[in-house]
Protein backbone atom coordinates (compact mmCIF):
# COMPACT_ATOMS: atom_id res chain seq x y z
CA UNK A 1 0.00 0.00 0.00
CA UNK A 2 2.95 2.32 -0.60
CA UNK A 3 2.03 5.59 -2.34
CA UNK A 4 4.64 6.20 -5.03
CA UNK A 5 3.46 9.79 -5.39
CA UNK A 6 3.52 10.64 -1.69
CA UNK A 7 5.83 13.65 -2.10
CA UNK A 8 3.54 15.26 -4.68
CA UNK A 9 0.13 13.80 -3.78
CA UNK A 10 -1.03 16.88 -1.87
CA UNK A 11 0.00 19.22 -4.70
CA UNK A 12 -1.93 17.16 -7.26
CA UNK A 13 -5.01 17.12 -5.01
CA UNK A 14 -4.83 20.90 -4.56
CA UNK A 15 -4.45 21.40 -8.32
CA UNK A 16 -7.37 19.10 -9.18
CA UNK A 17 -9.59 20.74 -6.56
CA UNK A 18 -8.66 24.18 -7.92
CA UNK A 19 -9.34 23.12 -11.52
CA UNK A 20 -12.85 22.08 -10.54
CA UNK A 21 -13.67 24.98 -8.23
CA UNK A 22 -12.78 27.89 -10.54
CA UNK A 23 -14.10 26.64 -13.86
CA UNK A 24 -17.01 24.71 -15.29
CA UNK A 25 -15.93 22.88 -18.44
CA UNK A 26 -17.62 23.19 -21.79
CA UNK A 27 -19.91 20.39 -22.93
CA UNK A 28 -17.21 18.77 -25.06
CA UNK A 29 -14.37 17.03 -23.22
CA UNK A 30 -11.46 14.85 -24.21
CA UNK A 31 -9.37 12.37 -22.28
CA UNK A 32 -5.80 11.68 -23.27
CA UNK A 33 -2.40 10.74 -21.96
CA UNK A 34 0.48 13.20 -21.91
CA UNK A 35 4.14 12.62 -21.16
CA UNK A 36 5.88 15.16 -18.93
CA UNK A 37 9.55 14.95 -19.85
CA UNK A 38 11.53 13.56 -16.93
CA UNK A 39 14.89 11.83 -16.97
CA UNK A 40 15.25 11.37 -13.24
CA UNK A 41 14.74 8.13 -11.36
CA UNK A 42 11.26 7.18 -10.26
CA UNK A 43 9.58 3.79 -10.41
CA UNK A 44 6.73 5.08 -12.57
CA UNK A 45 8.79 6.73 -15.34
CA UNK A 46 7.53 5.59 -18.75
CA UNK A 47 9.11 4.99 -22.13
CA UNK A 48 6.71 5.43 -25.05
CA UNK A 49 8.59 5.30 -28.36
CA UNK A 50 5.78 6.79 -30.47
CA UNK A 51 5.59 9.99 -28.41
CA UNK A 52 7.73 13.04 -29.10
CA UNK A 53 8.88 13.05 -25.48
CA UNK A 54 9.72 9.38 -25.16
CA UNK A 55 10.85 9.29 -21.53
CA UNK A 56 8.86 10.84 -18.75
CA UNK A 57 5.93 10.66 -16.40
CA UNK A 58 2.61 9.68 -17.93
CA UNK A 59 -0.35 11.78 -16.87
CA UNK A 60 -3.94 11.12 -17.86
CA UNK A 61 -5.99 14.27 -18.20
CA UNK A 62 -9.49 15.42 -18.98
CA UNK A 63 -9.63 18.73 -20.83
CA UNK A 64 -12.41 20.71 -22.45
CA UNK A 65 -12.46 21.96 -26.04
CA UNK A 66 -10.72 25.19 -25.02
CA UNK A 67 -7.77 23.19 -23.66
CA UNK A 68 -8.52 23.76 -19.98
CA UNK A 69 -7.38 20.81 -17.85
CA UNK A 70 -10.25 19.79 -15.62
CA UNK A 71 -8.78 16.68 -14.01
CA UNK A 72 -5.48 14.82 -14.09
CA UNK A 73 -4.05 11.63 -12.71
CA UNK A 74 -0.47 10.34 -12.69
CA UNK A 75 0.08 6.81 -13.96
CA UNK A 76 2.01 5.00 -11.25
CA UNK A 77 2.41 1.63 -12.94
CA UNK A 78 0.24 -1.45 -13.07
CA UNK A 79 -2.40 -1.58 -10.36
CA UNK A 80 -1.75 -4.73 -8.36
CA UNK A 81 -5.13 -4.47 -6.62
CA UNK A 82 -7.40 -4.55 -9.63
CA UNK A 83 -10.92 -3.57 -8.59
CA UNK A 84 -12.56 -4.96 -11.70
CA UNK A 85 -10.42 -7.62 -13.38
CA UNK A 86 -13.02 -8.04 -16.14
CA UNK A 87 -12.31 -4.61 -17.64
CA UNK A 88 -9.15 -2.97 -18.96
CA UNK A 89 -6.91 -0.52 -17.13
CA UNK A 90 -7.91 2.17 -19.66
CA UNK A 91 -11.58 1.50 -18.86
CA UNK A 92 -10.83 2.03 -15.15
CA UNK A 93 -8.98 5.29 -15.86
CA UNK A 94 -11.88 6.73 -17.87
CA UNK A 95 -14.47 5.58 -15.33
CA UNK A 96 -12.57 7.17 -12.46
CA UNK A 97 -11.83 10.42 -14.27
CA UNK A 98 -15.40 10.97 -15.47
CA UNK A 99 -16.93 10.75 -11.99
CA UNK A 100 -16.73 14.53 -11.64
CA UNK A 101 -18.77 15.16 -14.82
CA UNK A 102 -21.35 12.38 -14.66
CA UNK A 103 -25.02 13.11 -15.37
CA UNK A 104 -24.27 16.56 -16.81
CA UNK A 105 -24.71 15.73 -20.51
CA UNK A 106 -21.08 16.00 -21.56
CA UNK A 107 -19.58 14.58 -24.74
CA UNK A 108 -16.27 12.77 -24.31
CA UNK A 109 -13.77 12.26 -27.14
CA UNK A 110 -10.92 9.77 -26.91
CA UNK A 111 -8.39 7.86 -28.97
CA UNK A 112 -8.20 4.11 -29.44
CA UNK A 113 -6.09 3.59 -26.31
CA UNK A 114 -9.16 4.27 -24.17
CA UNK A 115 -12.18 3.52 -26.35
CA UNK A 116 -14.15 0.29 -26.40
CA UNK A 117 -17.79 -0.55 -27.12
CA UNK A 118 -18.27 -1.64 -23.51
CA UNK A 119 -16.93 1.66 -22.16
CA UNK A 120 -19.09 3.72 -24.53
CA UNK A 121 -22.25 1.86 -23.48
CA UNK A 122 -21.46 2.07 -19.76
CA UNK A 123 -20.69 5.79 -19.84
CA UNK A 124 -23.93 6.52 -21.67
CA UNK A 125 -26.12 4.30 -19.49
CA UNK A 126 -24.56 4.94 -16.07
CA UNK A 127 -23.22 8.50 -16.36
CA UNK A 128 -25.18 10.05 -19.27
CA UNK A 129 -21.93 10.84 -21.09
CA UNK A 130 -21.92 10.56 -24.89
CA UNK A 131 -18.66 9.24 -26.35
CA UNK A 132 -16.86 9.41 -29.64
CA UNK A 133 -13.55 7.89 -30.60
CA UNK A 134 -11.56 5.59 -32.78
CA UNK A 135 -11.80 1.93 -31.85
CA UNK A 136 -9.38 -0.93 -32.38
CA UNK A 137 -11.07 -3.74 -34.26
CA UNK A 138 -9.52 -6.37 -32.02
CA UNK A 139 -11.09 -4.95 -28.84
CA UNK A 140 -13.10 -7.27 -26.68
CA UNK A 141 -16.84 -7.08 -27.48
CA UNK A 142 -16.24 -5.27 -30.79
CA UNK A 143 -19.04 -6.37 -33.18
CA UNK A 144 -17.69 -8.89 -35.70
CA UNK A 145 -19.93 -7.55 -38.49
CA UNK A 146 -18.19 -4.17 -38.17
CA UNK A 147 -14.65 -5.54 -38.00
CA UNK A 148 -15.02 -7.25 -41.39
CA UNK A 149 -16.42 -4.14 -43.04
CA UNK A 150 -14.14 -2.31 -45.49
CA UNK A 151 -14.36 1.42 -44.93
CA UNK A 152 -13.19 4.33 -47.00
CA UNK A 153 -11.21 7.24 -45.64
CA UNK A 154 -13.52 9.65 -43.80
CA UNK A 155 -16.36 7.14 -43.46
CA UNK A 156 -17.98 6.71 -40.04
CA UNK A 157 -20.37 4.27 -38.43
C-alpha atoms as a PDB file:
ATOM      1  CA  UNK A   1       0.000   0.000   0.000  1.00  0.00           C
ATOM      2  CA  UNK A   2       2.947   2.317  -0.601  1.00  0.00           C
ATOM      3  CA  UNK A   3       2.027   5.589  -2.338  1.00  0.00           C
ATOM      4  CA  UNK A   4       4.641   6.196  -5.028  1.00  0.00           C
ATOM      5  CA  UNK A   5       3.460   9.789  -5.390  1.00  0.00           C
ATOM      6  CA  UNK A   6       3.523  10.636  -1.694  1.00  0.00           C
ATOM      7  CA  UNK A   7       5.826  13.647  -2.101  1.00  0.00           C
ATOM      8  CA  UNK A   8       3.542  15.257  -4.681  1.00  0.00           C
ATOM      9  CA  UNK A   9       0.129  13.804  -3.775  1.00  0.00           C
ATOM     10  CA  UNK A  10      -1.029  16.882  -1.870  1.00  0.00           C
ATOM     11  CA  UNK A  11       0.001  19.220  -4.702  1.00  0.00           C
ATOM     12  CA  UNK A  12      -1.929  17.155  -7.259  1.00  0.00           C
ATOM     13  CA  UNK A  13      -5.006  17.119  -5.014  1.00  0.00           C
ATOM     14  CA  UNK A  14      -4.830  20.901  -4.557  1.00  0.00           C
ATOM     15  CA  UNK A  15      -4.452  21.403  -8.319  1.00  0.00           C
ATOM     16  CA  UNK A  16      -7.367  19.103  -9.181  1.00  0.00           C
ATOM     17  CA  UNK A  17      -9.589  20.743  -6.559  1.00  0.00           C
ATOM     18  CA  UNK A  18      -8.661  24.185  -7.917  1.00  0.00           C
ATOM     19  CA  UNK A  19      -9.342  23.121 -11.516  1.00  0.00           C
ATOM     20  CA  UNK A  20     -12.853  22.082 -10.538  1.00  0.00           C
ATOM     21  CA  UNK A  21     -13.673  24.982  -8.232  1.00  0.00           C
ATOM     22  CA  UNK A  22     -12.785  27.887 -10.535  1.00  0.00           C
ATOM     23  CA  UNK A  23     -14.096  26.636 -13.863  1.00  0.00           C
ATOM     24  CA  UNK A  24     -17.009  24.709 -15.293  1.00  0.00           C
ATOM     25  CA  UNK A  25     -15.927  22.883 -18.444  1.00  0.00           C
ATOM     26  CA  UNK A  26     -17.623  23.188 -21.795  1.00  0.00           C
ATOM     27  CA  UNK A  27     -19.915  20.395 -22.930  1.00  0.00           C
ATOM     28  CA  UNK A  28     -17.207  18.774 -25.064  1.00  0.00           C
ATOM     29  CA  UNK A  29     -14.371  17.034 -23.215  1.00  0.00           C
ATOM     30  CA  UNK A  30     -11.457  14.855 -24.205  1.00  0.00           C
ATOM     31  CA  UNK A  31      -9.372  12.370 -22.284  1.00  0.00           C
ATOM     32  CA  UNK A  32      -5.796  11.676 -23.270  1.00  0.00           C
ATOM     33  CA  UNK A  33      -2.402  10.744 -21.963  1.00  0.00           C
ATOM     34  CA  UNK A  34       0.484  13.204 -21.909  1.00  0.00           C
ATOM     35  CA  UNK A  35       4.140  12.624 -21.157  1.00  0.00           C
ATOM     36  CA  UNK A  36       5.881  15.157 -18.933  1.00  0.00           C
ATOM     37  CA  UNK A  37       9.546  14.947 -19.849  1.00  0.00           C
ATOM     38  CA  UNK A  38      11.526  13.559 -16.931  1.00  0.00           C
ATOM     39  CA  UNK A  39      14.890  11.826 -16.975  1.00  0.00           C
ATOM     40  CA  UNK A  40      15.252  11.370 -13.235  1.00  0.00           C
ATOM     41  CA  UNK A  41      14.743   8.133 -11.363  1.00  0.00           C
ATOM     42  CA  UNK A  42      11.255   7.180 -10.263  1.00  0.00           C
ATOM     43  CA  UNK A  43       9.583   3.786 -10.411  1.00  0.00           C
ATOM     44  CA  UNK A  44       6.735   5.082 -12.566  1.00  0.00           C
ATOM     45  CA  UNK A  45       8.787   6.728 -15.339  1.00  0.00           C
ATOM     46  CA  UNK A  46       7.534   5.590 -18.752  1.00  0.00           C
ATOM     47  CA  UNK A  47       9.108   4.991 -22.130  1.00  0.00           C
ATOM     48  CA  UNK A  48       6.707   5.434 -25.047  1.00  0.00           C
ATOM     49  CA  UNK A  49       8.593   5.301 -28.364  1.00  0.00           C
ATOM     50  CA  UNK A  50       5.779   6.792 -30.470  1.00  0.00           C
ATOM     51  CA  UNK A  51       5.585   9.993 -28.412  1.00  0.00           C
ATOM     52  CA  UNK A  52       7.726  13.044 -29.104  1.00  0.00           C
ATOM     53  CA  UNK A  53       8.876  13.048 -25.481  1.00  0.00           C
ATOM     54  CA  UNK A  54       9.719   9.378 -25.159  1.00  0.00           C
ATOM     55  CA  UNK A  55      10.846   9.295 -21.532  1.00  0.00           C
ATOM     56  CA  UNK A  56       8.856  10.844 -18.746  1.00  0.00           C
ATOM     57  CA  UNK A  57       5.929  10.655 -16.399  1.00  0.00           C
ATOM     58  CA  UNK A  58       2.605   9.676 -17.932  1.00  0.00           C
ATOM     59  CA  UNK A  59      -0.354  11.778 -16.868  1.00  0.00           C
ATOM     60  CA  UNK A  60      -3.944  11.115 -17.859  1.00  0.00           C
ATOM     61  CA  UNK A  61      -5.986  14.268 -18.201  1.00  0.00           C
ATOM     62  CA  UNK A  62      -9.490  15.422 -18.979  1.00  0.00           C
ATOM     63  CA  UNK A  63      -9.634  18.728 -20.830  1.00  0.00           C
ATOM     64  CA  UNK A  64     -12.409  20.711 -22.451  1.00  0.00           C
ATOM     65  CA  UNK A  65     -12.457  21.961 -26.038  1.00  0.00           C
ATOM     66  CA  UNK A  66     -10.717  25.191 -25.023  1.00  0.00           C
ATOM     67  CA  UNK A  67      -7.774  23.194 -23.660  1.00  0.00           C
ATOM     68  CA  UNK A  68      -8.519  23.758 -19.979  1.00  0.00           C
ATOM     69  CA  UNK A  69      -7.375  20.815 -17.849  1.00  0.00           C
ATOM     70  CA  UNK A  70     -10.254  19.793 -15.625  1.00  0.00           C
ATOM     71  CA  UNK A  71      -8.778  16.676 -14.005  1.00  0.00           C
ATOM     72  CA  UNK A  72      -5.475  14.818 -14.090  1.00  0.00           C
ATOM     73  CA  UNK A  73      -4.048  11.627 -12.708  1.00  0.00           C
ATOM     74  CA  UNK A  74      -0.474  10.337 -12.691  1.00  0.00           C
ATOM     75  CA  UNK A  75       0.084   6.807 -13.965  1.00  0.00           C
ATOM     76  CA  UNK A  76       2.012   4.995 -11.254  1.00  0.00           C
ATOM     77  CA  UNK A  77       2.410   1.628 -12.938  1.00  0.00           C
ATOM     78  CA  UNK A  78       0.240  -1.454 -13.066  1.00  0.00           C
ATOM     79  CA  UNK A  79      -2.399  -1.577 -10.361  1.00  0.00           C
ATOM     80  CA  UNK A  80      -1.754  -4.725  -8.365  1.00  0.00           C
ATOM     81  CA  UNK A  81      -5.131  -4.473  -6.621  1.00  0.00           C
ATOM     82  CA  UNK A  82      -7.401  -4.554  -9.635  1.00  0.00           C
ATOM     83  CA  UNK A  83     -10.918  -3.573  -8.589  1.00  0.00           C
ATOM     84  CA  UNK A  84     -12.562  -4.955 -11.699  1.00  0.00           C
ATOM     85  CA  UNK A  85     -10.424  -7.620 -13.385  1.00  0.00           C
ATOM     86  CA  UNK A  86     -13.017  -8.038 -16.142  1.00  0.00           C
ATOM     87  CA  UNK A  87     -12.314  -4.605 -17.641  1.00  0.00           C
ATOM     88  CA  UNK A  88      -9.145  -2.969 -18.965  1.00  0.00           C
ATOM     89  CA  UNK A  89      -6.911  -0.520 -17.132  1.00  0.00           C
ATOM     90  CA  UNK A  90      -7.906   2.169 -19.659  1.00  0.00           C
ATOM     91  CA  UNK A  91     -11.584   1.504 -18.856  1.00  0.00           C
ATOM     92  CA  UNK A  92     -10.834   2.030 -15.152  1.00  0.00           C
ATOM     93  CA  UNK A  93      -8.976   5.290 -15.862  1.00  0.00           C
ATOM     94  CA  UNK A  94     -11.878   6.732 -17.871  1.00  0.00           C
ATOM     95  CA  UNK A  95     -14.468   5.576 -15.326  1.00  0.00           C
ATOM     96  CA  UNK A  96     -12.572   7.166 -12.458  1.00  0.00           C
ATOM     97  CA  UNK A  97     -11.826  10.423 -14.267  1.00  0.00           C
ATOM     98  CA  UNK A  98     -15.404  10.969 -15.469  1.00  0.00           C
ATOM     99  CA  UNK A  99     -16.931  10.748 -11.992  1.00  0.00           C
ATOM    100  CA  UNK A 100     -16.728  14.532 -11.636  1.00  0.00           C
ATOM    101  CA  UNK A 101     -18.766  15.159 -14.819  1.00  0.00           C
ATOM    102  CA  UNK A 102     -21.351  12.383 -14.657  1.00  0.00           C
ATOM    103  CA  UNK A 103     -25.023  13.109 -15.369  1.00  0.00           C
ATOM    104  CA  UNK A 104     -24.266  16.561 -16.810  1.00  0.00           C
ATOM    105  CA  UNK A 105     -24.713  15.734 -20.509  1.00  0.00           C
ATOM    106  CA  UNK A 106     -21.081  16.004 -21.561  1.00  0.00           C
ATOM    107  CA  UNK A 107     -19.576  14.583 -24.743  1.00  0.00           C
ATOM    108  CA  UNK A 108     -16.272  12.769 -24.309  1.00  0.00           C
ATOM    109  CA  UNK A 109     -13.770  12.264 -27.135  1.00  0.00           C
ATOM    110  CA  UNK A 110     -10.921   9.765 -26.909  1.00  0.00           C
ATOM    111  CA  UNK A 111      -8.392   7.860 -28.969  1.00  0.00           C
ATOM    112  CA  UNK A 112      -8.201   4.109 -29.436  1.00  0.00           C
ATOM    113  CA  UNK A 113      -6.095   3.594 -26.306  1.00  0.00           C
ATOM    114  CA  UNK A 114      -9.163   4.272 -24.167  1.00  0.00           C
ATOM    115  CA  UNK A 115     -12.176   3.519 -26.346  1.00  0.00           C
ATOM    116  CA  UNK A 116     -14.147   0.294 -26.398  1.00  0.00           C
ATOM    117  CA  UNK A 117     -17.787  -0.552 -27.120  1.00  0.00           C
ATOM    118  CA  UNK A 118     -18.270  -1.644 -23.508  1.00  0.00           C
ATOM    119  CA  UNK A 119     -16.932   1.663 -22.159  1.00  0.00           C
ATOM    120  CA  UNK A 120     -19.095   3.721 -24.526  1.00  0.00           C
ATOM    121  CA  UNK A 121     -22.252   1.857 -23.476  1.00  0.00           C
ATOM    122  CA  UNK A 122     -21.457   2.070 -19.758  1.00  0.00           C
ATOM    123  CA  UNK A 123     -20.691   5.792 -19.845  1.00  0.00           C
ATOM    124  CA  UNK A 124     -23.932   6.525 -21.669  1.00  0.00           C
ATOM    125  CA  UNK A 125     -26.121   4.301 -19.486  1.00  0.00           C
ATOM    126  CA  UNK A 126     -24.558   4.944 -16.068  1.00  0.00           C
ATOM    127  CA  UNK A 127     -23.225   8.501 -16.364  1.00  0.00           C
ATOM    128  CA  UNK A 128     -25.184  10.046 -19.269  1.00  0.00           C
ATOM    129  CA  UNK A 129     -21.926  10.844 -21.088  1.00  0.00           C
ATOM    130  CA  UNK A 130     -21.922  10.559 -24.890  1.00  0.00           C
ATOM    131  CA  UNK A 131     -18.661   9.238 -26.348  1.00  0.00           C
ATOM    132  CA  UNK A 132     -16.858   9.410 -29.640  1.00  0.00           C
ATOM    133  CA  UNK A 133     -13.554   7.892 -30.605  1.00  0.00           C
ATOM    134  CA  UNK A 134     -11.559   5.595 -32.779  1.00  0.00           C
ATOM    135  CA  UNK A 135     -11.800   1.928 -31.845  1.00  0.00           C
ATOM    136  CA  UNK A 136      -9.380  -0.928 -32.377  1.00  0.00           C
ATOM    137  CA  UNK A 137     -11.070  -3.736 -34.261  1.00  0.00           C
ATOM    138  CA  UNK A 138      -9.523  -6.365 -32.017  1.00  0.00           C
ATOM    139  CA  UNK A 139     -11.087  -4.950 -28.840  1.00  0.00           C
ATOM    140  CA  UNK A 140     -13.101  -7.274 -26.676  1.00  0.00           C
ATOM    141  CA  UNK A 141     -16.844  -7.078 -27.485  1.00  0.00           C
ATOM    142  CA  UNK A 142     -16.238  -5.273 -30.791  1.00  0.00           C
ATOM    143  CA  UNK A 143     -19.037  -6.371 -33.178  1.00  0.00           C
ATOM    144  CA  UNK A 144     -17.689  -8.886 -35.703  1.00  0.00           C
ATOM    145  CA  UNK A 145     -19.928  -7.547 -38.486  1.00  0.00           C
ATOM    146  CA  UNK A 146     -18.194  -4.166 -38.172  1.00  0.00           C
ATOM    147  CA  UNK A 147     -14.648  -5.541 -37.999  1.00  0.00           C
ATOM    148  CA  UNK A 148     -15.022  -7.250 -41.386  1.00  0.00           C
ATOM    149  CA  UNK A 149     -16.422  -4.142 -43.036  1.00  0.00           C
ATOM    150  CA  UNK A 150     -14.143  -2.312 -45.495  1.00  0.00           C
ATOM    151  CA  UNK A 151     -14.358   1.423 -44.927  1.00  0.00           C
ATOM    152  CA  UNK A 152     -13.191   4.334 -47.003  1.00  0.00           C
ATOM    153  CA  UNK A 153     -11.210   7.241 -45.639  1.00  0.00           C
ATOM    154  CA  UNK A 154     -13.516   9.655 -43.802  1.00  0.00           C
ATOM    155  CA  UNK A 155     -16.359   7.139 -43.459  1.00  0.00           C
ATOM    156  CA  UNK A 156     -17.984   6.714 -40.044  1.00  0.00           C
ATOM    157  CA  UNK A 157     -20.370   4.267 -38.434  1.00  0.00           C
END
